Amino acid sequence: MSDNQQEEDRLAQEKRKVEAVLFASHHPLSVKDISARLDESVDVASHVDALQQDYEKRGLNLVEVGGRWAFRTAADLSFLLRDEVEEVRKLSRAGVETLAIIAYHQPVTRAEIEELRGVGLSKGTLDVLMEAGWIRPAGRKQTPGRPVLYGTTDEFLIHFGLANISDLPGLDELKASGLLDPIDDALDNLLRDSAALDAQEQLEDDTSDELPLT
């Protein structure tokens, strides 16, 4: 057997091992997670890329979710499994608003969430989101009282099929997910207003550096 053939066989065997590890896992795995199960010489990242291409047009796709990799049913075939998917408990409007604010403005404190919503926030709303595994405490803000900051989790990214938080969908996509109650115009306006406020503050910060001293 030629050296080239031996090298091809070695790479093919390595890719099979990476595929087996991913397929057997009950949760998404990072490249580091996969590498821990294989020889140090294995270039896991290149094999993951190759597998992603191999499965691109198959019934299963290898997708990146939250910086980790997992096999998922091809999006256009998801209807085949509809009868086997457990119905997800829908969030209340307060829960949807709170989740959206945390996702788009994290890290945020409870007081900041209440300020953006314009109404008080019951402790139960945050509890429900934490029980779902979608939000988590993300440290404390360095202000008087050191209030808890909240941010989204990897489970949130996995649930919505996001590689990272920068891939966060627009509101229309969030409404169309089918897993949450539709968000009405009030929330649309809320997030647009807060986004505009963020942009205005950023503009003021940028231009303040240009003002001459008097």
C-alpha atoms as a PDB file:
ATOM      1  CA  MET A   1       0.000   0.000   0.000  1.00  0.00           C
ATOM      2  CA  SER A   2       1.383   3.394  -1.001  1.00  0.00           C
ATOM      3  CA  ASP A   3       2.117   6.137   1.482  1.00  0.00           C
ATOM      4  CA  ASN A   4      -0.644   8.285  -0.040  1.00  0.00           C
ATOM      5  CA  GLN A   5      -3.180   5.505   0.377  1.00  0.00           C
ATOM      6  CA  GLN A   6      -2.144   4.961   3.985  1.00  0.00           C
ATOM      7  CA  GLU A   7      -2.551   8.670   4.695  1.00  0.00           C
ATOM      8  CA  GLU A   8      -6.004   8.724   3.098  1.00  0.00           C
ATOM      9  CA  ASP A   9      -7.066   5.700   5.144  1.00  0.00           C
ATOM     10  CA  ARG A  10      -5.757   7.311   8.333  1.00  0.00           C
ATOM     11  CA  LEU A  11      -7.693  10.537   7.723  1.00  0.00           C
ATOM     12  CA  ALA A  12     -10.832   8.610   6.799  1.00  0.00           C
ATOM     13  CA  GLN A  13     -10.611   6.621  10.044  1.00  0.00           C
ATOM     14  CA  GLU A  14     -10.119   9.810  12.059  1.00  0.00           C
ATOM     15  CA  LYS A  15     -13.181  11.376  10.446  1.00  0.00           C
ATOM     16  CA  ARG A  16     -15.229   8.266  11.262  1.00  0.00           C
ATOM     17  CA  LYS A  17     -14.209   8.599  14.902  1.00  0.00           C
ATOM     18  CA  VAL A  18     -15.214  12.267  15.015  1.00  0.00           C
ATOM     19  CA  GLU A  19     -18.532  11.356  13.381  1.00  0.00           C
ATOM     20  CA  ALA A  20     -19.145   8.580  15.911  1.00  0.00           C
ATOM     21  CA  VAL A  21     -18.439  10.838  18.887  1.00  0.00           C
ATOM     22  CA  LEU A  22     -20.830  13.500  17.604  1.00  0.00           C
ATOM     23  CA  PHE A  23     -23.557  11.019  16.734  1.00  0.00           C
ATOM     24  CA  ALA A  24     -23.446   9.277  20.111  1.00  0.00           C
ATOM     25  CA  SER A  25     -23.545  12.477  22.171  1.00  0.00           C
ATOM     26  CA  HIS A  26     -26.850  13.560  23.730  1.00  0.00           C
ATOM     27  CA  HIS A  27     -25.788  17.203  23.676  1.00  0.00           C
ATOM     28  CA  PRO A  28     -23.748  19.485  21.374  1.00  0.00           C
ATOM     29  CA  LEU A  29     -19.961  19.171  21.602  1.00  0.00           C
ATOM     30  CA  SER A  30     -17.207  21.704  21.063  1.00  0.00           C
ATOM     31  CA  VAL A  31     -14.062  20.878  19.106  1.00  0.00           C
ATOM     32  CA  LYS A  32     -12.267  20.711  22.459  1.00  0.00           C
ATOM     33  CA  ASP A  33     -14.837  18.210  23.794  1.00  0.00           C
ATOM     34  CA  ILE A  34     -14.307  15.963  20.778  1.00  0.00           C
ATOM     35  CA  SER A  35     -10.514  16.295  20.919  1.00  0.00           C
ATOM     36  CA  ALA A  36     -10.534  15.075  24.516  1.00  0.00           C
ATOM     37  CA  ARG A  37     -11.783  11.679  23.299  1.00  0.00           C
ATOM     38  CA  LEU A  38      -9.246  11.270  20.478  1.00  0.00           C
ATOM     39  CA  ASP A  39      -5.505  11.286  19.930  1.00  0.00           C
ATOM     40  CA  GLU A  40      -3.828  14.674  20.190  1.00  0.00           C
ATOM     41  CA  SER A  41      -2.642  14.373  16.573  1.00  0.00           C
ATOM     42  CA  VAL A  42      -6.205  14.391  15.193  1.00  0.00           C
ATOM     43  CA  ASP A  43      -7.168  17.658  13.494  1.00  0.00           C
ATOM     44  CA  VAL A  44     -10.748  17.641  14.802  1.00  0.00           C
ATOM     45  CA  ALA A  45     -11.704  21.044  13.379  1.00  0.00           C
ATOM     46  CA  SER A  46     -10.894  20.012   9.788  1.00  0.00           C
ATOM     47  CA  HIS A  47     -12.838  16.761  10.164  1.00  0.00           C
ATOM     48  CA  VAL A  48     -15.836  18.641  11.569  1.00  0.00           C
ATOM     49  CA  ASP A  49     -15.758  20.969   8.556  1.00  0.00           C
ATOM     50  CA  ALA A  50     -15.585  17.983   6.216  1.00  0.00           C
ATOM     51  CA  LEU A  51     -18.486  16.251   7.968  1.00  0.00           C
ATOM     52  CA  GLN A  52     -20.557  19.424   7.800  1.00  0.00           C
ATOM     53  CA  GLN A  53     -20.122  19.414   4.027  1.00  0.00           C
ATOM     54  CA  ASP A  54     -20.815  15.656   3.810  1.00  0.00           C
ATOM     55  CA  TYR A  55     -24.144  16.045   5.621  1.00  0.00           C
ATOM     56  CA  GLU A  56     -25.155  19.339   4.008  1.00  0.00           C
ATOM     57  CA  LYS A  57     -27.741  17.776   1.668  1.00  0.00           C
ATOM     58  CA  ARG A  58     -28.736  14.770   3.789  1.00  0.00           C
ATOM     59  CA  GLY A  59     -31.625  14.156   6.164  1.00  0.00           C
ATOM     60  CA  LEU A  60     -29.358  15.016   9.068  1.00  0.00           C
ATOM     61  CA  ASN A  61     -27.240  18.141   9.089  1.00  0.00           C
ATOM     62  CA  LEU A  62     -24.211  18.854  11.254  1.00  0.00           C
ATOM     63  CA  VAL A  63     -24.855  22.326  12.637  1.00  0.00           C
ATOM     64  CA  GLU A  64     -23.100  24.712  14.992  1.00  0.00           C
ATOM     65  CA  VAL A  65     -25.170  25.789  17.979  1.00  0.00           C
ATOM     66  CA  GLY A  66     -23.748  27.943  20.733  1.00  0.00           C
ATOM     67  CA  GLY A  67     -20.182  27.313  19.588  1.00  0.00           C
ATOM     68  CA  ARG A  68     -20.744  23.550  19.704  1.00  0.00           C
ATOM     69  CA  TRP A  69     -21.610  20.945  17.063  1.00  0.00           C
ATOM     70  CA  ALA A  70     -24.543  18.558  16.858  1.00  0.00           C
ATOM     71  CA  PHE A  71     -26.544  16.549  14.352  1.00  0.00           C
ATOM     72  CA  ARG A  72     -29.988  17.991  13.690  1.00  0.00           C
ATOM     73  CA  THR A  73     -32.827  16.991  11.389  1.00  0.00           C
ATOM     74  CA  ALA A  74     -32.655  18.978   8.153  1.00  0.00           C
ATOM     75  CA  ALA A  75     -34.868  22.041   8.510  1.00  0.00           C
ATOM     76  CA  ASP A  76     -36.989  21.174   5.462  1.00  0.00           C
ATOM     77  CA  LEU A  77     -37.788  17.742   6.935  1.00  0.00           C
ATOM     78  CA  SER A  78     -38.726  18.861  10.448  1.00  0.00           C
ATOM     79  CA  PHE A  79     -42.433  18.369   9.636  1.00  0.00           C
ATOM     80  CA  LEU A  80     -41.837  14.594   9.624  1.00  0.00           C
ATOM     81  CA  LEU A  81     -41.151  14.670  13.372  1.00  0.00           C
ATOM     82  CA  ARG A  82     -43.917  17.082  14.321  1.00  0.00           C
ATOM     83  CA  ASP A  83     -46.060  14.405  15.977  1.00  0.00           C
ATOM     84  CA  GLU A  84     -43.159  13.317  18.198  1.00  0.00           C
ATOM     85  CA  VAL A  85     -42.176  16.733  19.500  1.00  0.00           C
ATOM     86  CA  GLU A  86     -43.324  17.477  23.031  1.00  0.00           C
ATOM     87  CA  GLU A  87     -45.428  20.608  23.183  1.00  0.00           C
ATOM     88  CA  VAL A  88     -43.469  23.410  24.817  1.00  0.00           C
ATOM     89  CA  ARG A  89     -45.211  25.465  27.463  1.00  0.00           C
ATOM     90  CA  LYS A  90     -45.747  28.934  26.065  1.00  0.00           C
ATOM     91  CA  LEU A  91     -44.476  31.964  27.918  1.00  0.00           C
ATOM     92  CA  SER A  92     -46.670  34.743  29.167  1.00  0.00           C
ATOM     93  CA  ARG A  93     -46.381  38.142  27.542  1.00  0.00           C
ATOM     94  CA  ALA A  94     -44.282  39.304  30.511  1.00  0.00           C
ATOM     95  CA  GLY A  95     -41.972  36.327  29.991  1.00  0.00           C
ATOM     96  CA  VAL A  96     -41.594  37.011  26.274  1.00  0.00           C
ATOM     97  CA  GLU A  97     -40.861  40.688  26.871  1.00  0.00           C
ATOM     98  CA  THR A  98     -38.363  39.916  29.622  1.00  0.00           C
ATOM     99  CA  LEU A  99     -36.573  37.263  27.534  1.00  0.00           C
ATOM    100  CA  ALA A 100     -36.383  39.598  24.541  1.00  0.00           C
ATOM    101  CA  ILE A 101     -34.979  42.468  26.616  1.00  0.00           C
ATOM    102  CA  ILE A 102     -32.354  40.242  28.239  1.00  0.00           C
ATOM    103  CA  ALA A 103     -31.360  38.720  24.881  1.00  0.00           C
ATOM    104  CA  TYR A 104     -31.020  42.035  23.076  1.00  0.00           C
ATOM    105  CA  HIS A 105     -29.590  44.143  25.926  1.00  0.00           C
ATOM    106  CA  GLN A 106     -27.605  41.724  28.117  1.00  0.00           C
ATOM    107  CA  PRO A 107     -26.237  41.904  30.652  1.00  0.00           C
ATOM    108  CA  VAL A 108     -29.076  43.771  32.362  1.00  0.00           C
ATOM    109  CA  THR A 109     -30.362  44.134  35.899  1.00  0.00           C
ATOM    110  CA  ARG A 110     -33.928  43.600  37.013  1.00  0.00           C
ATOM    111  CA  ALA A 111     -34.340  47.359  37.476  1.00  0.00           C
ATOM    112  CA  GLU A 112     -33.156  47.966  33.912  1.00  0.00           C
ATOM    113  CA  ILE A 113     -35.620  45.376  32.614  1.00  0.00           C
ATOM    114  CA  GLU A 114     -38.418  47.106  34.493  1.00  0.00           C
ATOM    115  CA  GLU A 115     -37.341  50.479  33.144  1.00  0.00           C
ATOM    116  CA  LEU A 116     -37.395  49.207  29.559  1.00  0.00           C
ATOM    117  CA  ARG A 117     -40.768  47.497  30.021  1.00  0.00           C
ATOM    118  CA  GLY A 118     -42.239  50.451  31.906  1.00  0.00           C
ATOM    119  CA  VAL A 119     -43.835  48.151  34.512  1.00  0.00           C
ATOM    120  CA  GLY A 120     -42.685  46.143  37.507  1.00  0.00           C
ATOM    121  CA  LEU A 121     -41.380  42.613  37.063  1.00  0.00           C
ATOM    122  CA  SER A 122     -42.572  39.747  39.243  1.00  0.00           C
ATOM    123  CA  LYS A 123     -39.884  37.441  40.589  1.00  0.00           C
ATOM    124  CA  GLY A 124     -41.771  34.504  39.103  1.00  0.00           C
ATOM    125  CA  THR A 125     -41.068  35.696  35.570  1.00  0.00           C
ATOM    126  CA  LEU A 126     -37.307  35.429  36.021  1.00  0.00           C
ATOM    127  CA  ASP A 127     -37.745  32.099  37.813  1.00  0.00           C
ATOM    128  CA  VAL A 128     -39.641  30.624  34.850  1.00  0.00           C
ATOM    129  CA  LEU A 129     -36.934  31.716  32.411  1.00  0.00           C
ATOM    130  CA  MET A 130     -34.178  30.313  34.625  1.00  0.00           C
ATOM    131  CA  GLU A 131     -36.060  27.029  35.073  1.00  0.00           C
ATOM    132  CA  ALA A 132     -36.283  26.795  31.283  1.00  0.00           C
ATOM    133  CA  GLY A 133     -32.494  27.202  31.237  1.00  0.00           C
ATOM    134  CA  TRP A 134     -32.663  30.235  28.946  1.00  0.00           C
ATOM    135  CA  ILE A 135     -31.247  32.887  31.293  1.00  0.00           C
ATOM    136  CA  ARG A 136     -28.723  32.896  34.117  1.00  0.00           C
ATOM    137  CA  PRO A 137     -27.138  35.321  36.593  1.00  0.00           C
ATOM    138  CA  ALA A 138     -24.181  36.962  34.846  1.00  0.00           C
ATOM    139  CA  GLY A 139     -22.402  38.637  37.759  1.00  0.00           C
ATOM    140  CA  ARG A 140     -23.229  41.832  39.600  1.00  0.00           C
ATOM    141  CA  LYS A 141     -23.212  45.414  38.390  1.00  0.00           C
ATOM    142  CA  GLN A 142     -20.628  47.619  40.063  1.00  0.00           C
ATOM    143  CA  THR A 143     -23.152  50.146  41.341  1.00  0.00           C
ATOM    144  CA  PRO A 144     -24.595  50.761  44.828  1.00  0.00           C
ATOM    145  CA  GLY A 145     -26.328  47.613  46.009  1.00  0.00           C
ATOM    146  CA  ARG A 146     -24.482  45.539  43.379  1.00  0.00           C
ATOM    147  CA  PRO A 147     -27.652  44.274  41.645  1.00  0.00           C
ATOM    148  CA  VAL A 148     -27.588  40.942  39.829  1.00  0.00           C
ATOM    149  CA  LEU A 149     -27.028  41.043  36.066  1.00  0.00           C
ATOM    150  CA  TYR A 150     -28.860  38.607  33.790  1.00  0.00           C
ATOM    151  CA  GLY A 151     -27.832  37.155  30.443  1.00  0.00           C
ATOM    152  CA  THR A 152     -28.792  34.297  28.134  1.00  0.00           C
ATOM    153  CA  THR A 153     -27.344  30.785  28.314  1.00  0.00           C
ATOM    154  CA  ASP A 154     -25.908  28.286  25.846  1.00  0.00           C
ATOM    155  CA  GLU A 155     -29.223  26.439  26.163  1.00  0.00           C
ATOM    156  CA  PHE A 156     -30.962  29.569  24.831  1.00  0.00           C
ATOM    157  CA  LEU A 157     -28.649  29.525  21.790  1.00  0.00           C
ATOM    158  CA  ILE A 158     -29.194  25.802  21.280  1.00  0.00           C
ATOM    159  CA  HIS A 159     -32.973  26.097  21.625  1.00  0.00           C
ATOM    160  CA  PHE A 160     -33.161  28.779  18.949  1.00  0.00           C
ATOM    161  CA  GLY A 161     -30.419  27.254  16.761  1.00  0.00           C
ATOM    162  CA  LEU A 162     -27.948  30.137  17.101  1.00  0.00           C
ATOM    163  CA  ALA A 163     -24.192  29.761  16.684  1.00  0.00           C
ATOM    164  CA  ASN A 164     -23.661  32.762  18.959  1.00  0.00           C
ATOM    165  CA  ILE A 165     -25.589  35.709  20.350  1.00  0.00           C
ATOM    166  CA  SER A 166     -24.635  37.918  17.388  1.00  0.00           C
ATOM    167  CA  ASP A 167     -26.845  35.640  15.247  1.00  0.00           C
ATOM    168  CA  LEU A 168     -29.887  36.582  17.303  1.00  0.00           C
ATOM    169  CA  PRO A 169     -32.937  36.642  15.029  1.00  0.00           C
ATOM    170  CA  GLY A 170     -35.079  39.660  14.382  1.00  0.00           C
ATOM    171  CA  LEU A 171     -38.432  39.983  16.087  1.00  0.00           C
ATOM    172  CA  ASP A 172     -40.315  38.603  13.092  1.00  0.00           C
ATOM    173  CA  GLU A 173     -38.278  35.393  13.250  1.00  0.00           C
ATOM    174  CA  LEU A 174     -38.832  35.167  17.005  1.00  0.00           C
ATOM    175  CA  LYS A 175     -42.588  35.443  16.487  1.00  0.00           C
ATOM    176  CA  ALA A 176     -42.522  32.813  13.736  1.00  0.00           C
ATOM    177  CA  SER A 177     -40.618  30.268  15.843  1.00  0.00           C
ATOM    178  CA  GLY A 178     -43.921  28.746  16.979  1.00  0.00           C
ATOM    179  CA  LEU A 179     -42.498  28.185  20.450  1.00  0.00           C
ATOM    180  CA  LEU A 180     -43.549  31.512  21.886  1.00  0.00           C
ATOM    181  CA  ASP A 181     -46.768  33.428  21.904  1.00  0.00           C
ATOM    182  CA  PRO A 182     -46.831  36.154  19.232  1.00  0.00           C
ATOM    183  CA  ILE A 183     -45.345  39.423  20.443  1.00  0.00           C
ATOM    184  CA  ASP A 184     -47.661  42.362  19.847  1.00  0.00           C
ATOM    185  CA  ASP A 185     -46.864  45.832  18.573  1.00  0.00           C
ATOM    186  CA  ALA A 186     -46.158  47.087  22.100  1.00  0.00           C
ATOM    187  CA  LEU A 187     -43.046  44.911  22.350  1.00  0.00           C
ATOM    188  CA  ASP A 188     -41.967  45.833  18.832  1.00  0.00           C
ATOM    189  CA  ASN A 189     -42.105  49.482  19.833  1.00  0.00           C
ATOM    190  CA  LEU A 190     -40.384  48.759  23.146  1.00  0.00           C
ATOM    191  CA  LEU A 191     -37.349  47.161  21.517  1.00  0.00           C
ATOM    192  CA  ARG A 192     -37.197  49.704  18.718  1.00  0.00           C
ATOM    193  CA  ASP A 193     -37.289  52.553  21.232  1.00  0.00           C
ATOM    194  CA  SER A 194     -34.584  50.992  23.390  1.00  0.00           C
ATOM    195  CA  ALA A 195     -32.449  50.254  20.323  1.00  0.00           C
ATOM    196  CA  ALA A 196     -32.825  53.851  19.212  1.00  0.00           C
ATOM    197  CA  LEU A 197     -31.852  54.996  22.698  1.00  0.00           C
ATOM    198  CA  ASP A 198     -28.737  52.823  22.596  1.00  0.00           C
ATOM    199  CA  ALA A 199     -27.827  54.274  19.199  1.00  0.00           C
ATOM    200  CA  GLN A 200     -28.350  57.835  20.453  1.00  0.00           C
ATOM    201  CA  GLU A 201     -26.184  57.209  23.526  1.00  0.00           C
ATOM    202  CA  GLN A 202     -23.471  55.728  21.326  1.00  0.00           C
ATOM    203  CA  LEU A 203     -23.648  58.752  19.027  1.00  0.00           C
ATOM    204  CA  GLU A 204     -23.338  61.097  21.990  1.00  0.00           C
ATOM    205  CA  ASP A 205     -20.349  59.126  23.286  1.00  0.00           C
ATOM    206  CA  ASP A 206     -18.673  59.272  19.876  1.00  0.00           C
ATOM    207  CA  THR A 207     -19.264  62.978  19.338  1.00  0.00           C
ATOM    208  CA  SER A 208     -18.391  64.011  22.886  1.00  0.00           C
ATOM    209  CA  ASP A 209     -14.773  63.145  22.184  1.00  0.00           C
ATOM    210  CA  GLU A 210     -14.773  65.606  19.307  1.00  0.00           C
ATOM    211  CA  LEU A 211     -16.039  68.622  21.245  1.00  0.00           C
ATOM    212  CA  PRO A 212     -13.366  71.308  21.861  1.00  0.00           C
ATOM    213  CA  LEU A 213     -12.577  72.136  25.434  1.00  0.00           C
ATOM    214  CA  THR A 214     -13.719  75.603  26.583  1.00  0.00           C
END
